[in-house]
Amino acid sequence: MTAGRSKKKCGFCTEQVAYIDYKNIRLLRRFMSQYGRIVPRYYSGICLKHQKRLANAIKLAREMALLPYVR
């Protein structure tokens, strides 16, 4: 058992988000490191389904030149 730690809940699941918009740059930047890399699940606390959707949204925003590839 872990000592007093509770498991993180997926923020997208609790808010029942159906679609992660690639144009919402403020949301996408929260899940990127300072060097422009996508933050892994164990840091962000997002479930696998939303992590994959978030990664696709970040990659699409990079392709559309809304986000940089590197900083």
N, C-alpha and C. Protein backbone atom coordinates (compact mmCIF):
# COMPACT_ATOMS: atom_id res chain seq x y z
N MET A 1 0.83 -1.19 0.00
CA MET A 1 0.00 0.00 0.00
C MET A 1 0.87 1.24 0.00
N THR A 2 0.38 2.27 -0.60
CA THR A 2 1.10 3.52 -0.59
C THR A 2 0.77 4.29 0.66
N ALA A 3 1.70 5.05 1.12
CA ALA A 3 1.55 5.75 2.39
C ALA A 3 0.84 7.09 2.17
N GLY A 4 -0.49 7.09 2.24
CA GLY A 4 -1.25 8.33 2.19
C GLY A 4 -1.42 8.94 0.81
N ARG A 5 -0.96 8.26 -0.22
CA ARG A 5 -1.11 8.81 -1.57
C ARG A 5 -2.40 8.31 -2.19
N SER A 6 -3.08 9.21 -2.87
CA SER A 6 -4.25 8.78 -3.62
C SER A 6 -3.93 8.85 -5.10
N LYS A 7 -4.55 7.96 -5.86
CA LYS A 7 -4.30 7.93 -7.29
C LYS A 7 -4.91 9.15 -7.97
N LYS A 8 -4.18 9.72 -8.91
CA LYS A 8 -4.69 10.88 -9.63
C LYS A 8 -5.87 10.48 -10.50
N LYS A 9 -6.83 11.36 -10.58
CA LYS A 9 -7.98 11.15 -11.45
C LYS A 9 -7.72 11.88 -12.77
N CYS A 10 -8.20 11.30 -13.83
CA CYS A 10 -8.06 11.93 -15.14
C CYS A 10 -8.96 13.16 -15.18
N GLY A 11 -8.39 14.30 -15.45
CA GLY A 11 -9.15 15.54 -15.50
C GLY A 11 -10.14 15.59 -16.64
N PHE A 12 -9.80 14.94 -17.74
CA PHE A 12 -10.70 14.91 -18.88
C PHE A 12 -11.90 14.00 -18.61
N CYS A 13 -11.68 12.91 -17.90
CA CYS A 13 -12.78 12.00 -17.58
C CYS A 13 -13.74 12.64 -16.57
N THR A 14 -13.21 13.34 -15.58
CA THR A 14 -14.08 13.95 -14.57
C THR A 14 -14.91 15.08 -15.17
N GLU A 15 -14.36 15.79 -16.16
CA GLU A 15 -15.11 16.86 -16.82
C GLU A 15 -15.89 16.35 -18.02
N GLN A 16 -15.77 15.07 -18.34
CA GLN A 16 -16.47 14.41 -19.45
C GLN A 16 -16.20 15.13 -20.78
N VAL A 17 -14.92 15.35 -21.06
CA VAL A 17 -14.51 15.98 -22.32
C VAL A 17 -14.56 14.93 -23.42
N ALA A 18 -15.29 15.22 -24.48
CA ALA A 18 -15.43 14.27 -25.58
C ALA A 18 -14.37 14.51 -26.65
N TYR A 19 -13.94 15.75 -26.83
CA TYR A 19 -13.01 16.10 -27.91
C TYR A 19 -11.97 17.08 -27.39
N ILE A 20 -10.71 16.79 -27.63
CA ILE A 20 -9.63 17.70 -27.26
C ILE A 20 -9.29 18.50 -28.50
N ASP A 21 -9.53 19.79 -28.46
CA ASP A 21 -9.39 20.65 -29.62
C ASP A 21 -7.93 21.03 -29.82
N TYR A 22 -7.42 20.87 -31.02
CA TYR A 22 -6.03 21.20 -31.31
C TYR A 22 -5.81 22.71 -31.35
N LYS A 23 -6.87 23.51 -31.42
CA LYS A 23 -6.73 24.96 -31.46
C LYS A 23 -6.67 25.58 -30.07
N ASN A 24 -6.94 24.80 -29.03
CA ASN A 24 -6.89 25.28 -27.65
C ASN A 24 -5.44 25.19 -27.15
N ILE A 25 -4.65 26.18 -27.50
CA ILE A 25 -3.21 26.18 -27.24
C ILE A 25 -2.92 26.23 -25.74
N ARG A 26 -3.71 26.97 -25.00
CA ARG A 26 -3.48 27.09 -23.56
C ARG A 26 -3.61 25.73 -22.86
N LEU A 27 -4.59 24.95 -23.27
CA LEU A 27 -4.76 23.61 -22.69
C LEU A 27 -3.62 22.69 -23.11
N LEU A 28 -3.23 22.73 -24.36
CA LEU A 28 -2.18 21.84 -24.85
C LEU A 28 -0.82 22.16 -24.21
N ARG A 29 -0.55 23.43 -23.96
CA ARG A 29 0.73 23.82 -23.35
C ARG A 29 0.88 23.30 -21.93
N ARG A 30 -0.25 23.07 -21.25
CA ARG A 30 -0.19 22.52 -19.89
C ARG A 30 0.39 21.12 -19.88
N PHE A 31 0.28 20.41 -20.99
CA PHE A 31 0.74 19.03 -21.06
C PHE A 31 2.01 18.89 -21.89
N MET A 32 2.78 19.98 -21.96
CA MET A 32 4.07 19.97 -22.64
C MET A 32 5.14 20.44 -21.67
N SER A 33 6.34 19.90 -21.81
CA SER A 33 7.44 20.33 -20.95
C SER A 33 7.96 21.68 -21.43
N GLN A 34 8.89 22.23 -20.70
CA GLN A 34 9.44 23.53 -21.10
C GLN A 34 10.27 23.43 -22.37
N TYR A 35 10.63 22.20 -22.75
CA TYR A 35 11.40 22.00 -23.97
C TYR A 35 10.53 21.61 -25.15
N GLY A 36 9.21 21.58 -24.95
CA GLY A 36 8.29 21.29 -26.03
C GLY A 36 7.94 19.83 -26.20
N ARG A 37 8.31 19.00 -25.23
CA ARG A 37 8.00 17.58 -25.32
C ARG A 37 6.67 17.29 -24.64
N ILE A 38 6.00 16.24 -25.09
CA ILE A 38 4.72 15.85 -24.50
C ILE A 38 4.98 15.16 -23.17
N VAL A 39 4.28 15.60 -22.13
CA VAL A 39 4.47 15.07 -20.78
C VAL A 39 3.86 13.68 -20.70
N PRO A 40 4.57 12.71 -20.09
CA PRO A 40 4.04 11.34 -20.01
C PRO A 40 2.86 11.24 -19.04
N ARG A 41 2.18 10.11 -19.12
CA ARG A 41 0.98 9.88 -18.33
C ARG A 41 1.24 9.92 -16.83
N TYR A 42 2.35 9.37 -16.38
CA TYR A 42 2.59 9.29 -14.94
C TYR A 42 2.88 10.66 -14.33
N TYR A 43 3.20 11.66 -15.13
CA TYR A 43 3.32 13.03 -14.62
C TYR A 43 1.99 13.75 -14.67
N SER A 44 1.27 13.59 -15.77
CA SER A 44 0.05 14.37 -15.96
C SER A 44 -1.16 13.76 -15.26
N GLY A 45 -1.18 12.43 -15.08
CA GLY A 45 -2.30 11.78 -14.42
C GLY A 45 -3.49 11.57 -15.32
N ILE A 46 -3.29 11.57 -16.62
CA ILE A 46 -4.37 11.39 -17.58
C ILE A 46 -4.46 9.91 -17.94
N CYS A 47 -5.69 9.46 -18.22
CA CYS A 47 -5.88 8.06 -18.62
C CYS A 47 -5.32 7.85 -20.03
N LEU A 48 -5.19 6.59 -20.40
CA LEU A 48 -4.56 6.24 -21.68
C LEU A 48 -5.34 6.78 -22.87
N LYS A 49 -6.66 6.68 -22.81
CA LYS A 49 -7.49 7.14 -23.92
C LYS A 49 -7.30 8.64 -24.18
N HIS A 50 -7.30 9.43 -23.11
CA HIS A 50 -7.15 10.87 -23.29
C HIS A 50 -5.70 11.27 -23.57
N GLN A 51 -4.74 10.48 -23.09
CA GLN A 51 -3.35 10.77 -23.40
C GLN A 51 -3.09 10.62 -24.90
N LYS A 52 -3.68 9.59 -25.50
CA LYS A 52 -3.51 9.39 -26.94
C LYS A 52 -4.18 10.51 -27.73
N ARG A 53 -5.38 10.90 -27.30
CA ARG A 53 -6.07 12.00 -27.98
C ARG A 53 -5.32 13.32 -27.81
N LEU A 54 -4.76 13.53 -26.63
CA LEU A 54 -3.99 14.75 -26.37
C LEU A 54 -2.73 14.78 -27.22
N ALA A 55 -2.05 13.65 -27.34
CA ALA A 55 -0.83 13.59 -28.15
C ALA A 55 -1.15 13.87 -29.61
N ASN A 56 -2.26 13.33 -30.10
CA ASN A 56 -2.65 13.60 -31.49
C ASN A 56 -3.01 15.06 -31.69
N ALA A 57 -3.65 15.69 -30.70
CA ALA A 57 -4.00 17.10 -30.81
C ALA A 57 -2.74 17.97 -30.80
N ILE A 58 -1.76 17.62 -29.97
CA ILE A 58 -0.50 18.38 -29.93
C ILE A 58 0.24 18.24 -31.25
N LYS A 59 0.28 17.02 -31.78
CA LYS A 59 0.97 16.80 -33.06
C LYS A 59 0.28 17.54 -34.20
N LEU A 60 -1.04 17.59 -34.18
CA LEU A 60 -1.77 18.32 -35.21
C LEU A 60 -1.54 19.83 -35.08
N ALA A 61 -1.50 20.33 -33.84
CA ALA A 61 -1.22 21.75 -33.62
C ALA A 61 0.19 22.11 -34.06
N ARG A 62 1.14 21.21 -33.89
CA ARG A 62 2.50 21.44 -34.37
C ARG A 62 2.52 21.50 -35.90
N GLU A 63 1.77 20.60 -36.52
CA GLU A 63 1.72 20.55 -37.98
C GLU A 63 1.09 21.82 -38.55
N MET A 64 0.12 22.38 -37.85
CA MET A 64 -0.55 23.61 -38.28
C MET A 64 0.23 24.86 -37.87
N ALA A 65 1.39 24.68 -37.25
CA ALA A 65 2.28 25.75 -36.81
C ALA A 65 1.65 26.59 -35.69
N LEU A 66 0.82 25.98 -34.87
CA LEU A 66 0.28 26.65 -33.70
C LEU A 66 1.19 26.45 -32.48
N LEU A 67 1.92 25.34 -32.49
CA LEU A 67 2.88 25.03 -31.42
C LEU A 67 4.22 24.73 -32.05
N PRO A 68 5.31 25.05 -31.35
CA PRO A 68 6.62 24.71 -31.89
C PRO A 68 6.97 23.24 -31.65
N TYR A 69 7.85 22.71 -32.50
CA TYR A 69 8.33 21.34 -32.30
C TYR A 69 9.31 21.29 -31.14
N VAL A 70 10.20 22.27 -31.06
CA VAL A 70 11.17 22.38 -29.97
C VAL A 70 11.21 23.82 -29.51
N ARG A 71 11.71 24.02 -28.31
CA ARG A 71 11.81 25.36 -27.78
C ARG A 71 13.22 25.82 -27.73
